[in-house]
Amino acid sequence: MKTAGLGSVARSTDRRQQTRDLVLDTALRLFNEHGYLGVRVEDIAQQAGVSRATFYKHFAEREQILAELFERLLGADTAPTESPEAPDPATAEQLVVTAVEGAVQRMLSQEDLARFVYSLPVRHSALLRPDVRTTPPVFVQVTHLLEQGVQRGEVRDDVPIDLLARHVLGALETAMRDWAEGRVDDPMEHVRIMLTLSFHGAANRA
């Protein structure tokens, strides 16, 4: 009897996740076709083939879908796939660049989602929901690498780590936004330029 009960719970959980994914996929398609502001909850529910009541069982509001899509893009619910290899031994800068390049590669594997998320007129820190989900892995990884860099004397220690991390991740966001809005064709090369500026500034390195 217990086994049957557990099986029933598992099937119910699977159906719930399938419905949730269907709503998210439908919302993304509609957002790409009509723009975020041009899509209502009613439109998403109708196109997904669910009732408004079912929609609200999964999402309290339309904005929650943005947070879910952002987390899906940055892999909050999954382990990161393999990143490009860093030089060995590698500096803090090289390790951070490698981590960010890995995040860009993963995002580009979901190009439609990446273009939508990074064309939104909102800073993505506003989409994080630490009370519900974990912080995206690249955020955690960059912070950890910078902390190690401080300990090894490779990164300045007179600036708070969270500020340094936000500076680096701001470079990632700017590069991806420039790509999503059509200002650059190669987001990987652009993010490398932005990270160089983050670590070395605009002064002539010569």
C-alpha atoms as a PDB file:
ATOM      1  CA  MET A   1       0.000   0.000   0.000  1.00  0.00           C
ATOM      2  CA  LYS A   2       2.829   2.395   0.837  1.00  0.00           C
ATOM      3  CA  THR A   3       4.496   1.744  -2.499  1.00  0.00           C
ATOM      4  CA  ALA A   4       1.295   2.495  -4.374  1.00  0.00           C
ATOM      5  CA  GLY A   5       0.885   5.677  -2.365  1.00  0.00           C
ATOM      6  CA  LEU A   6       4.377   6.834  -3.184  1.00  0.00           C
ATOM      7  CA  GLY A   7       3.793   6.035  -6.858  1.00  0.00           C
ATOM      8  CA  SER A   8       0.646   8.120  -6.858  1.00  0.00           C
ATOM      9  CA  VAL A   9       2.476  11.047  -5.278  1.00  0.00           C
ATOM     10  CA  ALA A  10       5.267  10.732  -7.850  1.00  0.00           C
ATOM     11  CA  ARG A  11       2.789  10.720 -10.739  1.00  0.00           C
ATOM     12  CA  SER A  12       1.022  13.748  -9.278  1.00  0.00           C
ATOM     13  CA  THR A  13       4.353  15.560  -8.933  1.00  0.00           C
ATOM     14  CA  ASP A  14       5.292  14.667 -12.505  1.00  0.00           C
ATOM     15  CA  ARG A  15       1.963  15.958 -13.826  1.00  0.00           C
ATOM     16  CA  ARG A  16       2.354  19.165 -11.848  1.00  0.00           C
ATOM     17  CA  GLN A  17       5.852  19.720 -13.232  1.00  0.00           C
ATOM     18  CA  GLN A  18       4.678  18.952 -16.766  1.00  0.00           C
ATOM     19  CA  THR A  19       1.896  21.523 -16.447  1.00  0.00           C
ATOM     20  CA  ARG A  20       4.311  24.068 -14.996  1.00  0.00           C
ATOM     21  CA  ASP A  21       6.793  23.494 -17.845  1.00  0.00           C
ATOM     22  CA  LEU A  22       3.980  23.749 -20.405  1.00  0.00           C
ATOM     23  CA  VAL A  23       2.903  27.130 -19.011  1.00  0.00           C
ATOM     24  CA  LEU A  24       6.503  28.381 -18.980  1.00  0.00           C
ATOM     25  CA  ASP A  25       7.181  27.212 -22.538  1.00  0.00           C
ATOM     26  CA  THR A  26       3.923  28.749 -23.759  1.00  0.00           C
ATOM     27  CA  ALA A  27       4.635  32.021 -21.981  1.00  0.00           C
ATOM     28  CA  LEU A  28       8.113  32.224 -23.513  1.00  0.00           C
ATOM     29  CA  ARG A  29       6.719  31.634 -27.007  1.00  0.00           C
ATOM     30  CA  LEU A  30       4.057  34.304 -26.553  1.00  0.00           C
ATOM     31  CA  PHE A  31       6.514  36.786 -25.035  1.00  0.00           C
ATOM     32  CA  ASN A  32       8.820  36.330 -28.027  1.00  0.00           C
ATOM     33  CA  GLU A  33       5.930  36.736 -30.468  1.00  0.00           C
ATOM     34  CA  HIS A  34       4.114  39.670 -28.841  1.00  0.00           C
ATOM     35  CA  GLY A  35       6.459  41.164 -26.256  1.00  0.00           C
ATOM     36  CA  TYR A  36       6.116  40.812 -22.507  1.00  0.00           C
ATOM     37  CA  LEU A  37       3.680  43.702 -22.118  1.00  0.00           C
ATOM     38  CA  GLY A  38       1.492  42.378 -24.921  1.00  0.00           C
ATOM     39  CA  VAL A  39       0.744  39.070 -23.206  1.00  0.00           C
ATOM     40  CA  ARG A  40      -1.871  38.589 -20.488  1.00  0.00           C
ATOM     41  CA  VAL A  41      -2.359  35.747 -18.040  1.00  0.00           C
ATOM     42  CA  GLU A  42      -5.508  34.846 -19.991  1.00  0.00           C
ATOM     43  CA  ASP A  43      -3.449  34.517 -23.190  1.00  0.00           C
ATOM     44  CA  ILE A  44      -0.926  32.200 -21.568  1.00  0.00           C
ATOM     45  CA  ALA A  45      -3.588  29.998 -19.983  1.00  0.00           C
ATOM     46  CA  GLN A  46      -5.612  29.738 -23.182  1.00  0.00           C
ATOM     47  CA  GLN A  47      -2.619  28.888 -25.375  1.00  0.00           C
ATOM     48  CA  ALA A  48      -1.348  26.365 -22.819  1.00  0.00           C
ATOM     49  CA  GLY A  49      -4.774  24.738 -22.650  1.00  0.00           C
ATOM     50  CA  VAL A  50      -5.249  25.294 -18.918  1.00  0.00           C
ATOM     51  CA  SER A  51      -7.734  27.307 -16.903  1.00  0.00           C
ATOM     52  CA  ARG A  52      -6.916  30.561 -15.120  1.00  0.00           C
ATOM     53  CA  ALA A  53      -7.395  28.673 -11.851  1.00  0.00           C
ATOM     54  CA  THR A  54      -4.756  26.141 -12.907  1.00  0.00           C
ATOM     55  CA  PHE A  55      -2.392  28.946 -13.932  1.00  0.00           C
ATOM     56  CA  TYR A  56      -2.706  30.521 -10.481  1.00  0.00           C
ATOM     57  CA  LYS A  57      -2.037  27.189  -8.800  1.00  0.00           C
ATOM     58  CA  HIS A  58       1.440  27.355 -10.299  1.00  0.00           C
ATOM     59  CA  PHE A  59       2.182  31.079 -10.570  1.00  0.00           C
ATOM     60  CA  ALA A  60       0.938  33.816  -8.260  1.00  0.00           C
ATOM     61  CA  GLU A  61       1.438  36.452 -10.943  1.00  0.00           C
ATOM     62  CA  ARG A  62       2.820  36.929 -14.435  1.00  0.00           C
ATOM     63  CA  GLU A  63       6.048  38.405 -13.069  1.00  0.00           C
ATOM     64  CA  GLN A  64       6.801  35.117 -11.328  1.00  0.00           C
ATOM     65  CA  ILE A  65       7.156  33.551 -14.763  1.00  0.00           C
ATOM     66  CA  LEU A  66      10.015  35.964 -15.489  1.00  0.00           C
ATOM     67  CA  ALA A  67      11.830  34.761 -12.379  1.00  0.00           C
ATOM     68  CA  GLU A  68      11.287  31.131 -13.387  1.00  0.00           C
ATOM     69  CA  LEU A  69      12.583  31.773 -16.911  1.00  0.00           C
ATOM     70  CA  PHE A  70      15.623  33.612 -15.567  1.00  0.00           C
ATOM     71  CA  GLU A  71      16.409  30.746 -13.227  1.00  0.00           C
ATOM     72  CA  ARG A  72      15.926  28.252 -16.045  1.00  0.00           C
ATOM     73  CA  LEU A  73      18.364  30.237 -18.196  1.00  0.00           C
ATOM     74  CA  LEU A  74      21.080  30.446 -15.549  1.00  0.00           C
ATOM     75  CA  GLY A  75      20.559  26.903 -14.298  1.00  0.00           C
ATOM     76  CA  ALA A  76      19.419  27.502 -10.727  1.00  0.00           C
ATOM     77  CA  ASP A  77      17.826  24.058 -10.589  1.00  0.00           C
ATOM     78  CA  THR A  78      20.507  22.054 -12.364  1.00  0.00           C
ATOM     79  CA  ALA A  79      24.201  21.392 -12.004  1.00  0.00           C
ATOM     80  CA  PRO A  80      26.238  23.452 -14.490  1.00  0.00           C
ATOM     81  CA  THR A  81      27.507  21.634 -17.544  1.00  0.00           C
ATOM     82  CA  GLU A  82      31.228  21.448 -18.203  1.00  0.00           C
ATOM     83  CA  SER A  83      32.883  24.834 -18.670  1.00  0.00           C
ATOM     84  CA  PRO A  84      35.833  25.613 -20.930  1.00  0.00           C
ATOM     85  CA  GLU A  85      39.140  24.599 -19.333  1.00  0.00           C
ATOM     86  CA  ALA A  86      41.108  27.297 -17.575  1.00  0.00           C
ATOM     87  CA  PRO A  87      44.907  27.522 -17.852  1.00  0.00           C
ATOM     88  CA  ASP A  88      46.774  25.552 -15.180  1.00  0.00           C
ATOM     89  CA  PRO A  89      47.919  27.174 -13.018  1.00  0.00           C
ATOM     90  CA  ALA A  90      45.327  29.884 -13.522  1.00  0.00           C
ATOM     91  CA  THR A  91      44.946  33.342 -12.051  1.00  0.00           C
ATOM     92  CA  ALA A  92      41.736  34.542 -10.423  1.00  0.00           C
ATOM     93  CA  GLU A  93      40.965  36.545 -13.550  1.00  0.00           C
ATOM     94  CA  GLN A  94      41.421  33.511 -15.824  1.00  0.00           C
ATOM     95  CA  LEU A  95      39.224  31.356 -13.580  1.00  0.00           C
ATOM     96  CA  VAL A  96      36.469  33.973 -13.496  1.00  0.00           C
ATOM     97  CA  VAL A  97      36.612  34.407 -17.275  1.00  0.00           C
ATOM     98  CA  THR A  98      36.354  30.624 -17.711  1.00  0.00           C
ATOM     99  CA  ALA A  99      33.365  30.415 -15.348  1.00  0.00           C
ATOM    100  CA  VAL A 100      31.550  33.245 -17.127  1.00  0.00           C
ATOM    101  CA  GLU A 101      32.318  31.789 -20.553  1.00  0.00           C
ATOM    102  CA  GLY A 102      30.770  28.511 -19.388  1.00  0.00           C
ATOM    103  CA  ALA A 103      27.623  30.369 -18.306  1.00  0.00           C
ATOM    104  CA  VAL A 104      27.447  32.116 -21.691  1.00  0.00           C
ATOM    105  CA  GLN A 105      27.794  28.790 -23.520  1.00  0.00           C
ATOM    106  CA  ARG A 106      24.939  27.296 -21.492  1.00  0.00           C
ATOM    107  CA  MET A 107      22.739  30.316 -22.136  1.00  0.00           C
ATOM    108  CA  LEU A 108      23.411  30.247 -25.868  1.00  0.00           C
ATOM    109  CA  SER A 109      22.178  26.645 -25.945  1.00  0.00           C
ATOM    110  CA  GLN A 110      18.772  28.197 -25.096  1.00  0.00           C
ATOM    111  CA  GLU A 111      19.054  31.078 -27.550  1.00  0.00           C
ATOM    112  CA  ASP A 112      15.366  32.078 -27.695  1.00  0.00           C
ATOM    113  CA  LEU A 113      15.179  32.194 -23.908  1.00  0.00           C
ATOM    114  CA  ALA A 114      18.469  34.095 -23.637  1.00  0.00           C
ATOM    115  CA  ARG A 115      17.399  36.718 -26.186  1.00  0.00           C
ATOM    116  CA  PHE A 116      14.094  37.236 -24.413  1.00  0.00           C
ATOM    117  CA  VAL A 117      15.510  37.479 -20.884  1.00  0.00           C
ATOM    118  CA  TYR A 118      18.299  39.859 -21.834  1.00  0.00           C
ATOM    119  CA  SER A 119      16.022  42.112 -23.858  1.00  0.00           C
ATOM    120  CA  LEU A 120      13.835  42.793 -20.815  1.00  0.00           C
ATOM    121  CA  PRO A 121      14.056  46.368 -19.488  1.00  0.00           C
ATOM    122  CA  VAL A 122      14.817  45.162 -15.955  1.00  0.00           C
ATOM    123  CA  ARG A 123      17.968  44.337 -14.009  1.00  0.00           C
ATOM    124  CA  HIS A 124      18.110  40.630 -13.477  1.00  0.00           C
ATOM    125  CA  SER A 125      18.995  40.876  -9.795  1.00  0.00           C
ATOM    126  CA  ALA A 126      15.376  41.953  -9.389  1.00  0.00           C
ATOM    127  CA  LEU A 127      14.273  38.562 -10.711  1.00  0.00           C
ATOM    128  CA  LEU A 128      16.168  36.531  -8.136  1.00  0.00           C
ATOM    129  CA  ARG A 129      14.027  35.013  -5.411  1.00  0.00           C
ATOM    130  CA  PRO A 130      16.391  33.865  -2.643  1.00  0.00           C
ATOM    131  CA  ASP A 131      13.441  32.982  -0.421  1.00  0.00           C
ATOM    132  CA  VAL A 132      12.261  30.433  -3.002  1.00  0.00           C
ATOM    133  CA  ARG A 133      15.211  29.338  -5.117  1.00  0.00           C
ATOM    134  CA  THR A 134      18.956  29.185  -4.817  1.00  0.00           C
ATOM    135  CA  THR A 135      21.153  31.847  -6.357  1.00  0.00           C
ATOM    136  CA  PRO A 136      22.216  30.894  -9.920  1.00  0.00           C
ATOM    137  CA  PRO A 137      25.465  28.870  -9.887  1.00  0.00           C
ATOM    138  CA  VAL A 138      27.513  31.398 -11.865  1.00  0.00           C
ATOM    139  CA  PHE A 139      26.766  34.059  -9.220  1.00  0.00           C
ATOM    140  CA  VAL A 140      28.007  31.754  -6.457  1.00  0.00           C
ATOM    141  CA  GLN A 141      31.001  30.557  -8.474  1.00  0.00           C
ATOM    142  CA  VAL A 142      32.234  34.041  -9.375  1.00  0.00           C
ATOM    143  CA  THR A 143      31.962  35.198  -5.760  1.00  0.00           C
ATOM    144  CA  HIS A 144      33.926  32.155  -4.561  1.00  0.00           C
ATOM    145  CA  LEU A 145      36.659  32.639  -7.170  1.00  0.00           C
ATOM    146  CA  LEU A 146      37.035  36.302  -6.255  1.00  0.00           C
ATOM    147  CA  GLU A 147      37.296  35.380  -2.565  1.00  0.00           C
ATOM    148  CA  GLN A 148      40.109  32.969  -3.431  1.00  0.00           C
ATOM    149  CA  GLY A 149      41.758  35.695  -5.504  1.00  0.00           C
ATOM    150  CA  VAL A 150      41.705  38.044  -2.524  1.00  0.00           C
ATOM    151  CA  GLN A 151      43.275  35.369  -0.331  1.00  0.00           C
ATOM    152  CA  ARG A 152      46.084  34.845  -2.878  1.00  0.00           C
ATOM    153  CA  GLY A 153      46.670  38.568  -3.221  1.00  0.00           C
ATOM    154  CA  GLU A 154      45.528  38.647  -6.874  1.00  0.00           C
ATOM    155  CA  VAL A 155      42.364  40.660  -6.247  1.00  0.00           C
ATOM    156  CA  ARG A 156      42.172  43.885  -4.253  1.00  0.00           C
ATOM    157  CA  ASP A 157      41.013  43.463  -0.673  1.00  0.00           C
ATOM    158  CA  ASP A 158      39.859  47.026  -0.015  1.00  0.00           C
ATOM    159  CA  VAL A 159      36.516  46.517  -1.796  1.00  0.00           C
ATOM    160  CA  PRO A 160      33.735  44.235  -0.449  1.00  0.00           C
ATOM    161  CA  ILE A 161      33.514  40.899  -2.254  1.00  0.00           C
ATOM    162  CA  ASP A 162      29.826  41.346  -3.060  1.00  0.00           C
ATOM    163  CA  LEU A 163      30.620  44.635  -4.817  1.00  0.00           C
ATOM    164  CA  LEU A 164      33.432  43.013  -6.811  1.00  0.00           C
ATOM    165  CA  ALA A 165      31.119  40.145  -7.781  1.00  0.00           C
ATOM    166  CA  ARG A 166      28.344  42.519  -8.851  1.00  0.00           C
ATOM    167  CA  HIS A 167      30.866  44.437 -10.949  1.00  0.00           C
ATOM    168  CA  VAL A 168      31.948  41.269 -12.769  1.00  0.00           C
ATOM    169  CA  LEU A 169      28.409  39.960 -13.186  1.00  0.00           C
ATOM    170  CA  GLY A 170      27.345  43.373 -14.443  1.00  0.00           C
ATOM    171  CA  ALA A 171      29.848  42.856 -17.267  1.00  0.00           C
ATOM    172  CA  LEU A 172      28.151  39.547 -18.083  1.00  0.00           C
ATOM    173  CA  GLU A 173      24.718  41.145 -18.077  1.00  0.00           C
ATOM    174  CA  THR A 174      25.832  44.087 -20.227  1.00  0.00           C
ATOM    175  CA  ALA A 175      27.480  41.807 -22.782  1.00  0.00           C
ATOM    176  CA  MET A 176      24.434  39.555 -23.052  1.00  0.00           C
ATOM    177  CA  ARG A 177      22.081  42.531 -23.284  1.00  0.00           C
ATOM    178  CA  ASP A 178      24.152  44.091 -26.065  1.00  0.00           C
ATOM    179  CA  TRP A 179      23.926  40.777 -27.958  1.00  0.00           C
ATOM    180  CA  ALA A 180      20.191  40.323 -27.343  1.00  0.00           C
ATOM    181  CA  GLU A 181      19.482  43.851 -28.579  1.00  0.00           C
ATOM    182  CA  GLY A 182      21.548  43.329 -31.745  1.00  0.00           C
ATOM    183  CA  ARG A 183      24.484  45.619 -30.954  1.00  0.00           C
ATOM    184  CA  VAL A 184      27.035  42.790 -31.235  1.00  0.00           C
ATOM    185  CA  ASP A 185      27.056  39.475 -33.095  1.00  0.00           C
ATOM    186  CA  ASP A 186      29.425  37.453 -30.905  1.00  0.00           C
ATOM    187  CA  PRO A 187      28.417  37.477 -27.227  1.00  0.00           C
ATOM    188  CA  MET A 188      31.398  35.346 -26.171  1.00  0.00           C
ATOM    189  CA  GLU A 189      33.976  37.753 -27.563  1.00  0.00           C
ATOM    190  CA  HIS A 190      31.986  40.684 -26.189  1.00  0.00           C
ATOM    191  CA  VAL A 191      31.858  39.237 -22.681  1.00  0.00           C
ATOM    192  CA  ARG A 192      35.650  38.760 -22.770  1.00  0.00           C
ATOM    193  CA  ILE A 193      36.067  42.452 -23.593  1.00  0.00           C
ATOM    194  CA  MET A 194      33.681  43.439 -20.802  1.00  0.00           C
ATOM    195  CA  LEU A 195      35.505  41.222 -18.296  1.00  0.00           C
ATOM    196  CA  THR A 196      38.848  42.736 -19.313  1.00  0.00           C
ATOM    197  CA  LEU A 197      37.365  46.149 -18.541  1.00  0.00           C
ATOM    198  CA  SER A 198      36.083  44.833 -15.189  1.00  0.00           C
ATOM    199  CA  PHE A 199      39.531  43.631 -14.142  1.00  0.00           C
ATOM    200  CA  HIS A 200      41.721  46.297 -15.723  1.00  0.00           C
ATOM    201  CA  GLY A 201      39.586  49.367 -16.343  1.00  0.00           C
ATOM    202  CA  ALA A 202      39.727  51.682 -19.348  1.00  0.00           C
ATOM    203  CA  ALA A 203      43.300  52.901 -18.880  1.00  0.00           C
ATOM    204  CA  ASN A 204      45.813  52.110 -21.605  1.00  0.00           C
ATOM    205  CA  ARG A 205      47.499  48.906 -20.391  1.00  0.00           C
ATOM    206  CA  ALA A 206      50.680  49.771 -22.323  1.00  0.00           C
END
